[in-house]
C-alpha atoms as a PDB file:
ATOM      1  CA  MET A   1       0.000   0.000   0.000  1.00  0.00           C
ATOM      2  CA  PRO A   2       1.378   3.460  -0.890  1.00  0.00           C
ATOM      3  CA  ASP A   3       1.871   5.950   1.904  1.00  0.00           C
ATOM      4  CA  LEU A   4      -0.957   8.398   1.217  1.00  0.00           C
ATOM      5  CA  THR A   5       0.182  10.587   4.102  1.00  0.00           C
ATOM      6  CA  SER A   6       3.071  12.009   2.068  1.00  0.00           C
ATOM      7  CA  PRO A   7       2.288  15.135  -0.029  1.00  0.00           C
ATOM      8  CA  VAL A   8       3.517  13.581  -3.278  1.00  0.00           C
ATOM      9  CA  ALA A   9       1.523  10.366  -2.836  1.00  0.00           C
ATOM     10  CA  SER A  10      -1.561  12.380  -1.905  1.00  0.00           C
ATOM     11  CA  VAL A  11      -1.351  14.472  -5.071  1.00  0.00           C
ATOM     12  CA  VAL A  12      -0.826  11.376  -7.235  1.00  0.00           C
ATOM     13  CA  HIS A  13      -3.778   9.654  -5.588  1.00  0.00           C
ATOM     14  CA  GLN A  14      -6.011  12.677  -6.118  1.00  0.00           C
ATOM     15  CA  GLY A  15      -4.941  12.904  -9.756  1.00  0.00           C
ATOM     16  CA  THR A  16      -5.765   9.248 -10.292  1.00  0.00           C
ATOM     17  CA  GLN A  17      -9.174   9.697  -8.717  1.00  0.00           C
ATOM     18  CA  VAL A  18      -9.916  12.704 -10.932  1.00  0.00           C
ATOM     19  CA  LYS A  19      -8.863  10.776 -14.042  1.00  0.00           C
ATOM     20  CA  LEU A  20     -11.056   7.809 -13.120  1.00  0.00           C
ATOM     21  CA  GLU A  21     -13.979  10.133 -12.441  1.00  0.00           C
ATOM     22  CA  GLU A  22     -13.513  11.816 -15.832  1.00  0.00           C
ATOM     23  CA  GLU A  23     -13.447   8.428 -17.564  1.00  0.00           C
ATOM     24  CA  ARG A  24     -16.679   7.433 -15.827  1.00  0.00           C
ATOM     25  CA  GLN A  25     -18.324  10.658 -16.914  1.00  0.00           C
ATOM     26  CA  ARG A  26     -17.396  10.410 -20.606  1.00  0.00           C
ATOM     27  CA  ILE A  27     -20.380  10.005 -22.877  1.00  0.00           C
ATOM     28  CA  VAL A  28     -20.497   6.858 -25.008  1.00  0.00           C
ATOM     29  CA  ILE A  29     -22.358   6.760 -28.334  1.00  0.00           C
ATOM     30  CA  SER A  30     -23.251   3.315 -29.703  1.00  0.00           C
ATOM     31  CA  TYR A  31     -23.775   2.820 -33.432  1.00  0.00           C
ATOM     32  CA  VAL A  32     -25.967  -0.152 -34.376  1.00  0.00           C
ATOM     33  CA  LEU A  33     -25.126  -1.163 -37.944  1.00  0.00           C
ATOM     34  CA  PRO A  34     -27.036  -4.069 -39.551  1.00  0.00           C
ATOM     35  CA  VAL A  35     -25.102  -5.663 -42.416  1.00  0.00           C
ATOM     36  CA  TYR A  36     -26.187  -8.136 -45.077  1.00  0.00           C
ATOM     37  CA  ASN A  37     -23.976  -8.906 -48.073  1.00  0.00           C
ATOM     38  CA  GLU A  38     -22.186  -5.529 -48.101  1.00  0.00           C
ATOM     39  CA  ARG A  39     -18.679  -6.818 -48.901  1.00  0.00           C
ATOM     40  CA  GLU A  40     -18.045  -4.188 -51.571  1.00  0.00           C
ATOM     41  CA  GLY A  41     -18.836  -1.147 -49.469  1.00  0.00           C
ATOM     42  CA  ILE A  42     -18.469  -1.991 -45.769  1.00  0.00           C
ATOM     43  CA  PHE A  43     -14.800  -1.021 -45.473  1.00  0.00           C
ATOM     44  CA  PHE A  44     -15.389   2.347 -47.130  1.00  0.00           C
ATOM     45  CA  PHE A  45     -18.375   2.957 -44.863  1.00  0.00           C
ATOM     46  CA  HIS A  46     -16.375   2.247 -41.717  1.00  0.00           C
ATOM     47  CA  GLU A  47     -13.539   4.519 -42.793  1.00  0.00           C
ATOM     48  CA  THR A  48     -16.012   7.319 -43.523  1.00  0.00           C
ATOM     49  CA  LEU A  49     -17.822   6.869 -40.212  1.00  0.00           C
ATOM     50  CA  ALA A  50     -14.530   6.775 -38.275  1.00  0.00           C
ATOM     51  CA  ASP A  51     -13.407  10.006 -39.943  1.00  0.00           C
ATOM     52  CA  VAL A  52     -16.742  11.669 -39.123  1.00  0.00           C
ATOM     53  CA  VAL A  53     -16.745  10.755 -35.416  1.00  0.00           C
ATOM     54  CA  ALA A  54     -13.088  11.789 -35.092  1.00  0.00           C
ATOM     55  CA  SER A  55     -14.346  15.377 -35.157  1.00  0.00           C
ATOM     56  CA  ARG A  56     -16.055  14.768 -31.782  1.00  0.00           C
ATOM     57  CA  PRO A  57     -13.234  13.786 -29.417  1.00  0.00           C
ATOM     58  CA  GLU A  58     -15.396  14.648 -26.402  1.00  0.00           C
ATOM     59  CA  PHE A  59     -17.352  11.411 -26.955  1.00  0.00           C
ATOM     60  CA  ASP A  60     -16.398   7.754 -26.896  1.00  0.00           C
ATOM     61  CA  PHE A  61     -17.874   5.557 -29.614  1.00  0.00           C
ATOM     62  CA  GLU A  62     -18.620   1.885 -30.162  1.00  0.00           C
ATOM     63  CA  PHE A  63     -19.618   0.363 -33.493  1.00  0.00           C
ATOM     64  CA  ILE A  64     -21.820  -2.715 -33.314  1.00  0.00           C
ATOM     65  CA  TYR A  65     -21.991  -4.454 -36.679  1.00  0.00           C
ATOM     66  CA  VAL A  66     -24.692  -7.133 -36.874  1.00  0.00           C
ATOM     67  CA  ASN A  67     -23.868  -9.651 -39.588  1.00  0.00           C
ATOM     68  CA  ASP A  68     -27.319 -10.838 -40.679  1.00  0.00           C
ATOM     69  CA  GLY A  69     -26.250 -14.130 -42.251  1.00  0.00           C
ATOM     70  CA  SER A  70     -24.124 -12.636 -45.045  1.00  0.00           C
ATOM     71  CA  THR A  71     -22.908 -15.118 -47.664  1.00  0.00           C
ATOM     72  CA  ASP A  72     -20.520 -12.949 -49.710  1.00  0.00           C
ATOM     73  CA  GLY A  73     -17.492 -12.712 -47.412  1.00  0.00           C
ATOM     74  CA  THR A  74     -18.726  -9.720 -45.422  1.00  0.00           C
ATOM     75  CA  LEU A  75     -17.939 -11.459 -42.117  1.00  0.00           C
ATOM     76  CA  ALA A  76     -14.235 -11.725 -42.922  1.00  0.00           C
ATOM     77  CA  ILE A  77     -14.063  -7.977 -43.531  1.00  0.00           C
ATOM     78  CA  LEU A  78     -15.941  -7.277 -40.295  1.00  0.00           C
ATOM     79  CA  LYS A  79     -13.476  -9.470 -38.385  1.00  0.00           C
ATOM     80  CA  ASP A  80     -10.632  -7.467 -39.889  1.00  0.00           C
ATOM     81  CA  LEU A  81     -12.303  -4.217 -38.839  1.00  0.00           C
ATOM     82  CA  ALA A  82     -12.673  -5.522 -35.289  1.00  0.00           C
ATOM     83  CA  LYS A  83      -9.020  -6.555 -35.243  1.00  0.00           C
ATOM     84  CA  ASN A  84      -7.831  -3.091 -36.240  1.00  0.00           C
ATOM     85  CA  ASP A  85     -10.357  -0.959 -34.325  1.00  0.00           C
ATOM     86  CA  HIS A  86     -11.031  -1.827 -30.670  1.00  0.00           C
ATOM     87  CA  ARG A  87     -14.319   0.100 -30.836  1.00  0.00           C
ATOM     88  CA  VAL A  88     -15.830  -2.471 -33.213  1.00  0.00           C
ATOM     89  CA  ARG A  89     -17.960  -5.391 -32.072  1.00  0.00           C
ATOM     90  CA  VAL A  90     -19.374  -7.897 -34.548  1.00  0.00           C
ATOM     91  CA  VAL A  91     -22.554  -9.838 -33.790  1.00  0.00           C
ATOM     92  CA  ASP A  92     -22.683 -12.842 -36.103  1.00  0.00           C
ATOM     93  CA  PHE A  93     -26.120 -14.416 -36.659  1.00  0.00           C
ATOM     94  CA  THR A  94     -26.430 -18.121 -37.415  1.00  0.00           C
ATOM     95  CA  ARG A  95     -28.598 -17.274 -40.444  1.00  0.00           C
ATOM     96  CA  ASN A  96     -30.420 -14.388 -42.074  1.00  0.00           C
ATOM     97  CA  TYR A  97     -33.119 -13.158 -39.698  1.00  0.00           C
ATOM     98  CA  GLY A  98     -33.966  -9.889 -41.417  1.00  0.00           C
ATOM     99  CA  HIS A  99     -33.202  -6.205 -41.018  1.00  0.00           C
ATOM    100  CA  GLN A 100     -35.595  -5.530 -38.131  1.00  0.00           C
ATOM    101  CA  LEU A 101     -34.203  -8.353 -35.987  1.00  0.00           C
ATOM    102  CA  ALA A 102     -30.644  -7.287 -36.786  1.00  0.00           C
ATOM    103  CA  ILE A 103     -31.492  -3.844 -35.432  1.00  0.00           C
ATOM    104  CA  THR A 104     -33.026  -5.479 -32.360  1.00  0.00           C
ATOM    105  CA  ALA A 105     -29.901  -7.522 -31.632  1.00  0.00           C
ATOM    106  CA  GLY A 106     -27.683  -4.448 -31.939  1.00  0.00           C
ATOM    107  CA  ILE A 107     -29.829  -2.439 -29.555  1.00  0.00           C
ATOM    108  CA  ASP A 108     -29.890  -5.374 -27.115  1.00  0.00           C
ATOM    109  CA  LEU A 109     -26.080  -5.304 -26.995  1.00  0.00           C
ATOM    110  CA  ALA A 110     -25.510  -1.537 -27.102  1.00  0.00           C
ATOM    111  CA  GLY A 111     -24.293  -0.025 -23.861  1.00  0.00           C
ATOM    112  CA  GLY A 112     -23.931   3.638 -24.801  1.00  0.00           C
ATOM    113  CA  ASP A 113     -25.634   6.687 -23.371  1.00  0.00           C
ATOM    114  CA  ALA A 114     -27.245   7.066 -26.806  1.00  0.00           C
ATOM    115  CA  VAL A 115     -27.799   4.534 -29.583  1.00  0.00           C
ATOM    116  CA  ILE A 116     -27.768   5.445 -33.289  1.00  0.00           C
ATOM    117  CA  VAL A 117     -29.264   3.010 -35.807  1.00  0.00           C
ATOM    118  CA  MET A 118     -28.216   3.427 -39.422  1.00  0.00           C
ATOM    119  CA  ASP A 119     -27.610   1.405 -42.586  1.00  0.00           C
ATOM    120  CA  THR A 120     -24.142   0.775 -43.991  1.00  0.00           C
ATOM    121  CA  ASP A 121     -24.858   1.350 -47.698  1.00  0.00           C
ATOM    122  CA  MET A 122     -24.065   5.099 -47.448  1.00  0.00           C
ATOM    123  CA  GLN A 123     -27.675   6.075 -48.134  1.00  0.00           C
ATOM    124  CA  ASP A 124     -27.761   7.300 -44.528  1.00  0.00           C
ATOM    125  CA  PRO A 125     -24.932   9.902 -44.517  1.00  0.00           C
ATOM    126  CA  PRO A 126     -22.652   9.373 -41.475  1.00  0.00           C
ATOM    127  CA  GLU A 127     -22.268  13.120 -40.954  1.00  0.00           C
ATOM    128  CA  ILE A 128     -26.004  13.411 -40.271  1.00  0.00           C
ATOM    129  CA  SER A 129     -25.514  11.205 -37.206  1.00  0.00           C
ATOM    130  CA  LEU A 130     -23.637  14.102 -35.595  1.00  0.00           C
ATOM    131  CA  GLU A 131     -26.725  16.277 -36.058  1.00  0.00           C
ATOM    132  CA  LEU A 132     -28.753  13.584 -34.298  1.00  0.00           C
ATOM    133  CA  ILE A 133     -26.289  13.737 -31.400  1.00  0.00           C
ATOM    134  CA  ASP A 134     -26.589  17.539 -31.250  1.00  0.00           C
ATOM    135  CA  ALA A 135     -30.389  17.304 -31.107  1.00  0.00           C
ATOM    136  CA  TRP A 136     -30.107  14.707 -28.338  1.00  0.00           C
ATOM    137  CA  ARG A 137     -27.736  16.901 -26.341  1.00  0.00           C
ATOM    138  CA  ASP A 138     -30.246  19.702 -26.784  1.00  0.00           C
ATOM    139  CA  GLY A 139     -32.874  17.708 -24.874  1.00  0.00           C
ATOM    140  CA  ALA A 140     -34.510  15.270 -27.297  1.00  0.00           C
ATOM    141  CA  GLU A 141     -34.769  11.639 -26.154  1.00  0.00           C
ATOM    142  CA  ILE A 142     -35.532  10.214 -29.602  1.00  0.00           C
ATOM    143  CA  VAL A 143     -34.289  11.861 -32.796  1.00  0.00           C
ATOM    144  CA  HIS A 144     -35.625  10.717 -36.181  1.00  0.00           C
ATOM    145  CA  ALA A 145     -33.730  11.328 -39.415  1.00  0.00           C
ATOM    146  CA  ARG A 146     -36.451  12.383 -41.861  1.00  0.00           C
ATOM    147  CA  ARG A 147     -35.835  12.171 -45.600  1.00  0.00           C
ATOM    148  CA  ARG A 148     -36.227  15.480 -47.363  1.00  0.00           C
ATOM    149  CA  THR A 149     -35.330  13.948 -50.726  1.00  0.00           C
ATOM    150  CA  ARG A 150     -34.340  10.422 -51.758  1.00  0.00           C
ATOM    151  CA  GLN A 151     -32.475   9.002 -54.741  1.00  0.00           C
ATOM    152  CA  ASP A 152     -34.887   6.184 -55.595  1.00  0.00           C
ATOM    153  CA  THR A 153     -37.157   5.216 -58.457  1.00  0.00           C
ATOM    154  CA  ALA A 154     -40.358   7.170 -58.986  1.00  0.00           C
ATOM    155  CA  PHE A 155     -42.372   4.056 -58.099  1.00  0.00           C
ATOM    156  CA  LYS A 156     -40.613   3.623 -54.751  1.00  0.00           C
ATOM    157  CA  ARG A 157     -40.920   7.310 -53.869  1.00  0.00           C
ATOM    158  CA  LEU A 158     -44.640   7.296 -54.708  1.00  0.00           C
ATOM    159  CA  THR A 159     -45.464   4.106 -52.809  1.00  0.00           C
ATOM    160  CA  ALA A 160     -43.426   5.144 -49.753  1.00  0.00           C
ATOM    161  CA  HIS A 161     -45.106   8.552 -49.705  1.00  0.00           C
ATOM    162  CA  ALA A 162     -48.575   6.983 -49.903  1.00  0.00           C
ATOM    163  CA  TYR A 163     -47.823   4.225 -47.392  1.00  0.00           C
ATOM    164  CA  TYR A 164     -46.610   6.424 -44.544  1.00  0.00           C
ATOM    165  CA  ARG A 165     -49.618   8.697 -44.866  1.00  0.00           C
ATOM    166  CA  MET A 166     -51.994   5.764 -44.980  1.00  0.00           C
ATOM    167  CA  LEU A 167     -50.319   4.248 -41.923  1.00  0.00           C
ATOM    168  CA  ARG A 168     -50.607   7.480 -39.963  1.00  0.00           C
ATOM    169  CA  HIS A 169     -54.304   7.682 -40.876  1.00  0.00           C
ATOM    170  CA  CYS A 170     -55.005   4.074 -39.832  1.00  0.00           C
ATOM    171  CA  THR A 171     -53.153   3.933 -36.506  1.00  0.00           C
ATOM    172  CA  ASP A 172     -53.392   5.701 -33.190  1.00  0.00           C
ATOM    173  CA  VAL A 173     -49.578   5.977 -33.132  1.00  0.00           C
ATOM    174  CA  ASP A 174     -48.089   9.154 -34.578  1.00  0.00           C
ATOM    175  CA  ILE A 175     -45.452   7.525 -36.789  1.00  0.00           C
ATOM    176  CA  PRO A 176     -43.196  10.232 -38.309  1.00  0.00           C
ATOM    177  CA  LEU A 177     -43.596  10.663 -42.046  1.00  0.00           C
ATOM    178  CA  ASP A 178     -40.813   9.764 -44.492  1.00  0.00           C
ATOM    179  CA  THR A 179     -38.571   8.174 -41.877  1.00  0.00           C
ATOM    180  CA  GLY A 180     -36.808   4.823 -41.953  1.00  0.00           C
ATOM    181  CA  ASP A 181     -34.780   3.230 -39.169  1.00  0.00           C
ATOM    182  CA  PHE A 182     -32.075   5.927 -39.135  1.00  0.00           C
ATOM    183  CA  ARG A 183     -32.520   7.488 -35.687  1.00  0.00           C
ATOM    184  CA  LEU A 184     -31.015   8.091 -32.259  1.00  0.00           C
ATOM    185  CA  LEU A 185     -32.368   6.662 -29.018  1.00  0.00           C
ATOM    186  CA  ASP A 186     -31.493   7.891 -25.562  1.00  0.00           C
ATOM    187  CA  ARG A 187     -30.313   5.173 -23.152  1.00  0.00           C
ATOM    188  CA  ARG A 188     -33.682   5.184 -21.379  1.00  0.00           C
ATOM    189  CA  ALA A 189     -35.582   4.884 -24.672  1.00  0.00           C
ATOM    190  CA  ALA A 190     -33.299   2.024 -25.777  1.00  0.00           C
ATOM    191  CA  GLU A 191     -33.922   0.210 -22.497  1.00  0.00           C
ATOM    192  CA  GLU A 192     -37.675   0.516 -22.975  1.00  0.00           C
ATOM    193  CA  LEU A 193     -37.451  -0.687 -26.578  1.00  0.00           C
ATOM    194  CA  ARG A 194     -35.659  -3.838 -25.389  1.00  0.00           C
ATOM    195  CA  ARG A 195     -38.853  -4.813 -23.601  1.00  0.00           C
ATOM    196  CA  PHE A 196     -40.705  -5.071 -26.947  1.00  0.00           C
ATOM    197  CA  ARG A 197     -40.181  -8.722 -27.916  1.00  0.00           C
ATOM    198  CA  GLU A 198     -42.795  -9.438 -30.606  1.00  0.00           C
ATOM    199  CA  ARG A 199     -41.517 -11.381 -33.613  1.00  0.00           C
ATOM    200  CA  SER A 200     -43.236  -9.482 -36.441  1.00  0.00           C
ATOM    201  CA  ARG A 201     -41.355  -6.271 -35.822  1.00  0.00           C
ATOM    202  CA  PHE A 202     -41.851  -2.792 -37.181  1.00  0.00           C
ATOM    203  CA  VAL A 203     -39.191  -0.942 -35.192  1.00  0.00           C
ATOM    204  CA  ARG A 204     -40.027   2.559 -36.374  1.00  0.00           C
ATOM    205  CA  GLY A 205     -43.612   2.069 -35.172  1.00  0.00           C
ATOM    206  CA  MET A 206     -42.435   0.706 -31.819  1.00  0.00           C
ATOM    207  CA  VAL A 207     -40.166   3.698 -31.281  1.00  0.00           C
ATOM    208  CA  ALA A 208     -42.937   6.154 -32.170  1.00  0.00           C
ATOM    209  CA  SER A 209     -45.360   4.405 -29.802  1.00  0.00           C
ATOM    210  CA  MET A 210     -43.112   4.864 -26.740  1.00  0.00           C
ATOM    211  CA  GLY A 211     -43.588   8.600 -26.448  1.00  0.00           C
ATOM    212  CA  PHE A 212     -40.617  10.469 -24.936  1.00  0.00           C
ATOM    213  CA  ARG A 213     -39.427  13.812 -26.311  1.00  0.00           C
ATOM    214  CA  GLN A 214     -39.048  13.273 -30.051  1.00  0.00           C
ATOM    215  CA  ARG A 215     -37.494  15.493 -32.707  1.00  0.00           C
ATOM    216  CA  GLU A 216     -36.760  15.269 -36.417  1.00  0.00           C
ATOM    217  CA  VAL A 217     -33.619  16.099 -38.383  1.00  0.00           C
ATOM    218  CA  PHE A 218     -34.076  16.505 -42.143  1.00  0.00           C
ATOM    219  CA  PHE A 219     -31.543  15.110 -44.608  1.00  0.00           C
ATOM    220  CA  ASP A 220     -31.170  14.220 -48.280  1.00  0.00           C
ATOM    221  CA  ARG A 221     -30.875  10.476 -48.795  1.00  0.00           C
ATOM    222  CA  ASP A 222     -28.089   9.475 -51.163  1.00  0.00           C
ATOM    223  CA  GLU A 223     -27.776   6.596 -53.597  1.00  0.00           C
ATOM    224  CA  ARG A 224     -26.228   3.299 -52.554  1.00  0.00           C
ATOM    225  CA  PHE A 225     -22.421   3.304 -52.604  1.00  0.00           C
ATOM    226  CA  SER A 226     -22.306  -0.145 -54.240  1.00  0.00           C
ATOM    227  CA  GLY A 227     -24.307  -3.296 -54.785  1.00  0.00           C
ATOM    228  CA  GLU A 228     -28.070  -3.564 -54.941  1.00  0.00           C
ATOM    229  CA  THR A 229     -30.855  -3.017 -52.453  1.00  0.00           C
ATOM    230  CA  LYS A 230     -31.436  -5.745 -49.860  1.00  0.00           C
ATOM    231  CA  TYR A 231     -35.099  -4.716 -49.626  1.00  0.00           C
ATOM    232  CA  PRO A 232     -36.808  -5.937 -52.824  1.00  0.00           C
ATOM    233  CA  LEU A 233     -40.506  -5.379 -53.392  1.00  0.00           C
ATOM    234  CA  TYR A 234     -41.715  -8.499 -51.579  1.00  0.00           C
ATOM    235  CA  LYS A 235     -39.742  -7.589 -48.424  1.00  0.00           C
ATOM    236  CA  MET A 236     -41.087  -4.045 -48.551  1.00  0.00           C
ATOM    237  CA  LEU A 237     -44.635  -5.421 -48.810  1.00  0.00           C
ATOM    238  CA  ARG A 238     -44.021  -7.736 -45.862  1.00  0.00           C
ATOM    239  CA  LEU A 239     -42.690  -4.856 -43.765  1.00  0.00           C
ATOM    240  CA  ALA A 240     -45.705  -2.768 -44.785  1.00  0.00           C
ATOM    241  CA  VAL A 241     -48.088  -5.526 -43.649  1.00  0.00           C
ATOM    242  CA  ASP A 242     -46.222  -5.817 -40.318  1.00  0.00           C
ATOM    243  CA  GLY A 243     -46.576  -2.070 -39.846  1.00  0.00           C
ATOM    244  CA  VAL A 244     -50.309  -2.057 -40.496  1.00  0.00           C
ATOM    245  CA  THR A 245     -51.223  -5.215 -38.572  1.00  0.00           C
ATOM    246  CA  GLY A 246     -48.837  -4.456 -35.712  1.00  0.00           C
ATOM    247  CA  PHE A 247     -50.186  -1.004 -34.909  1.00  0.00           C
ATOM    248  CA  SER A 248     -53.705  -0.925 -36.285  1.00  0.00           C
ATOM    249  CA  THR A 249     -56.956  -2.905 -36.274  1.00  0.00           C
ATOM    250  CA  ALA A 250     -58.136  -0.946 -39.315  1.00  0.00           C
ATOM    251  CA  PRO A 251     -58.042  -4.042 -41.581  1.00  0.00           C
ATOM    252  CA  LEU A 252     -60.418  -5.813 -39.192  1.00  0.00           C
ATOM    253  CA  ARG A 253     -62.738  -2.822 -39.177  1.00  0.00           C
ATOM    254  CA  LEU A 254     -62.496  -2.806 -42.958  1.00  0.00           C
ATOM    255  CA  ILE A 255     -64.074  -6.271 -43.026  1.00  0.00           C
ATOM    256  CA  THR A 256     -67.178  -4.872 -41.330  1.00  0.00           C
ATOM    257  CA  LYS A 257     -67.352  -1.973 -43.767  1.00  0.00           C
ATOM    258  CA  LEU A 258     -66.861  -4.354 -46.655  1.00  0.00           C
ATOM    259  CA  GLY A 259     -69.668  -6.536 -45.334  1.00  0.00           C
ATOM    260  CA  PHE A 260     -72.051  -3.595 -45.238  1.00  0.00           C
ATOM    261  CA  ALA A 261     -71.010  -2.592 -48.756  1.00  0.00           C
ATOM    262  CA  VAL A 262     -71.626  -6.098 -50.096  1.00  0.00           C
ATOM    263  CA  LEU A 263     -74.958  -6.261 -48.248  1.00  0.00           C
ATOM    264  CA  THR A 264     -75.993  -2.956 -49.817  1.00  0.00           C
ATOM    265  CA  MET A 265     -75.088  -4.234 -53.267  1.00  0.00           C
ATOM    266  CA  ALA A 266     -77.005  -7.451 -52.610  1.00  0.00           C
ATOM    267  CA  LEU A 267     -80.118  -5.519 -51.591  1.00  0.00           C
ATOM    268  CA  MET A 268     -79.827  -3.390 -54.710  1.00  0.00           C
ATOM    269  CA  GLY A 269     -79.495  -6.553 -56.775  1.00  0.00           C
ATOM    270  CA  ILE A 270     -82.593  -8.032 -55.157  1.00  0.00           C
ATOM    271  CA  ALA A 271     -84.551  -4.853 -55.821  1.00  0.00           C
ATOM    272  CA  TYR A 272     -83.378  -4.864 -59.432  1.00  0.00           C
ATOM    273  CA  ALA A 273     -84.353  -8.523 -59.920  1.00  0.00           C
ATOM    274  CA  VAL A 274     -87.811  -8.024 -58.400  1.00  0.00           C
ATOM    275  CA  GLY A 275     -88.388  -4.867 -60.408  1.00  0.00           C
ATOM    276  CA  MET A 276     -87.389  -6.516 -63.675  1.00  0.00           C
ATOM    277  CA  ARG A 277     -89.609  -9.490 -62.865  1.00  0.00           C
ATOM    278  CA  ILE A 278     -92.595  -7.189 -62.444  1.00  0.00           C
ATOM    279  CA  LEU A 279     -91.900  -4.601 -65.140  1.00  0.00           C
ATOM    280  CA  ARG A 280     -90.104  -6.662 -67.822  1.00  0.00           C
ATOM    281  CA  PRO A 281     -91.003 -10.315 -67.321  1.00  0.00           C
ATOM    282  CA  ASP A 282     -90.027 -11.039 -70.916  1.00  0.00           C
ATOM    283  CA  ILE A 283     -86.277 -10.632 -70.245  1.00  0.00           C
ATOM    284  CA  THR A 284     -85.948 -11.973 -66.732  1.00  0.00           C
ATOM    285  CA  VAL A 285     -84.408 -15.183 -68.029  1.00  0.00           C
ATOM    286  CA  SER A 286     -81.281 -13.217 -68.896  1.00  0.00           C
ATOM    287  CA  GLY A 287     -80.322 -12.828 -65.220  1.00  0.00           C
ATOM    288  CA  TRP A 288     -77.230 -14.947 -65.600  1.00  0.00           C
ATOM    289  CA  THR A 289     -74.954 -11.852 -65.614  1.00  0.00           C
ATOM    290  CA  MET A 290     -76.435 -10.584 -62.371  1.00  0.00           C
ATOM    291  CA  LEU A 291     -76.051 -14.000 -60.790  1.00  0.00           C
ATOM    292  CA  MET A 292     -72.367 -14.272 -61.725  1.00  0.00           C
ATOM    293  CA  VAL A 293     -71.581 -10.739 -60.543  1.00  0.00           C
ATOM    294  CA  ALA A 294     -73.200 -11.466 -57.192  1.00  0.00           C
ATOM    295  CA  MET A 295     -71.406 -14.786 -56.756  1.00  0.00           C
ATOM    296  CA  LEU A 296     -67.997 -13.431 -57.729  1.00  0.00           C
ATOM    297  CA  GLY A 297     -68.456 -10.327 -55.593  1.00  0.00           C
ATOM    298  CA  LEU A 298     -69.411 -12.318 -52.508  1.00  0.00           C
ATOM    299  CA  GLY A 299     -66.613 -14.830 -53.119  1.00  0.00           C
ATOM    300  CA  GLY A 300     -64.008 -12.100 -53.473  1.00  0.00           C
ATOM    301  CA  ALA A 301     -65.211 -10.333 -50.325  1.00  0.00           C
ATOM    302  CA  GLN A 302     -65.062 -13.579 -48.351  1.00  0.00           C
ATOM    303  CA  MET A 303     -61.553 -14.427 -49.526  1.00  0.00           C
ATOM    304  CA  LEU A 304     -60.319 -10.930 -48.705  1.00  0.00           C
ATOM    305  CA  SER A 305     -61.853 -11.165 -45.236  1.00  0.00           C
ATOM    306  CA  LEU A 306     -60.261 -14.568 -44.621  1.00  0.00           C
ATOM    307  CA  GLY A 307     -56.877 -13.224 -45.742  1.00  0.00           C
ATOM    308  CA  ILE A 308     -57.019 -10.325 -43.289  1.00  0.00           C
ATOM    309  CA  LEU A 309     -58.123 -12.583 -40.447  1.00  0.00           C
ATOM    310  CA  GLY A 310     -55.353 -15.017 -41.377  1.00  0.00           C
ATOM    311  CA  SER A 311     -52.725 -12.279 -41.036  1.00  0.00           C
ATOM    312  CA  TYR A 312     -53.767 -11.553 -37.457  1.00  0.00           C
ATOM    313  CA  VAL A 313     -54.126 -15.253 -36.568  1.00  0.00           C
ATOM    314  CA  GLY A 314     -50.662 -15.892 -38.005  1.00  0.00           C
ATOM    315  CA  ARG A 315     -49.147 -13.154 -35.852  1.00  0.00           C
ATOM    316  CA  THR A 316     -50.820 -14.638 -32.789  1.00  0.00           C
ATOM    317  CA  TYR A 317     -49.518 -18.119 -33.654  1.00  0.00           C
ATOM    318  CA  SER A 318     -45.940 -16.857 -34.081  1.00  0.00           C
ATOM    319  CA  GLU A 319     -46.022 -15.075 -30.728  1.00  0.00           C
ATOM    320  CA  ALA A 320     -47.524 -18.111 -28.961  1.00  0.00           C
ATOM    321  CA  GLN A 321     -44.611 -20.313 -30.070  1.00  0.00           C
ATOM    322  CA  GLY A 322     -42.284 -18.325 -27.825  1.00  0.00           C
ATOM    323  CA  ARG A 323     -39.173 -18.996 -29.893  1.00  0.00           C
ATOM    324  CA  PRO A 324     -36.086 -16.755 -29.588  1.00  0.00           C
ATOM    325  CA  LEU A 325     -36.061 -13.729 -31.854  1.00  0.00           C
ATOM    326  CA  TYR A 326     -32.582 -14.560 -33.156  1.00  0.00           C
ATOM    327  CA  ILE A 327     -29.605 -16.845 -32.492  1.00  0.00           C
ATOM    328  CA  VAL A 328     -26.073 -15.445 -32.288  1.00  0.00           C
ATOM    329  CA  ARG A 329     -23.188 -17.684 -33.346  1.00  0.00           C
ATOM    330  CA  GLN A 330     -20.493 -15.426 -31.887  1.00  0.00           C
ATOM    331  CA  VAL A 331     -19.698 -11.897 -30.770  1.00  0.00           C
ATOM    332  CA  ILE A 332     -16.288 -10.762 -32.020  1.00  0.00           C
ATOM    333  CA  ARG A 333     -14.255  -8.074 -30.316  1.00  0.00           C
ATOM    334  CA  HIS A 334     -10.527  -7.344 -30.056  1.00  0.00           C
ATOM    335  CA  ASP A 335      -9.636  -5.274 -26.988  1.00  0.00           C
ATOM    336  CA  GLU A 336      -6.809  -2.784 -26.918  1.00  0.00           C
ATOM    337  CA  ASP A 337      -4.565  -5.202 -25.020  1.00  0.00           C
END
């Protein structure tokens, strides 16, 4: 034991205590970065992000890359990044679980005072993440990055624009317009989000439903740096269905409205048939068209209703199974020592 009674030892001890206290008080920002088959661009992304955060030496950073079952050699590059940058952790899934579950796993592991979720294809500009941090330091607990413009096809821009407005109209949750998963969560908000464990996940809806003090930062979304989108049309449709069925019972209410509409049409058809029988009995034999329209209309309405009910029953079945959301093969990290 050092002799703390001597002046020199006392000063050294006090200096050590101050240094330890400063280290405990440093703010840590966690980046959650889902990756799937991004071999061509992941190294460039990491270099760009590292250069951007270097301008904020007052913060400590950790980069959590979630390898969502990549098959193109992405994992080897991520291992190399972890070897050369002690701030990098790699979460390696046993298979492809999907973007929303990759985000979930990253948030589960993040230990920072704030958590930033962003894609690694350079469509979410790394420099915008610093604006999210500034908004958080200014008092916001959740900061959404809202797209002012986006470099996508006209079809994708139109459908995304229509979908978010339809979703806001159908749900009781105020989901921000024109936002993806690029956002910042305060530590408390991230802890609350970890309690949401449903399988059919729509993370942006979950975040919006939690409340807290929320703010938006506008940005212009760039084109992909390389490769092709990992969200083809069928995945976008599946995510859209999860968003609607996860935060709204509007489709179920639609069945009732559809039933009333079909009933109204049926009553009109009955009135038409009776009227023609009385007024024009000579052509009543030609009611085959009316019969087919009625049968096809009722059949279509029934199939649509069964499909909507099936979506909700399927969600209930998946939740009742109680299986883990994801399985991690390994977590890779190389410490400074």
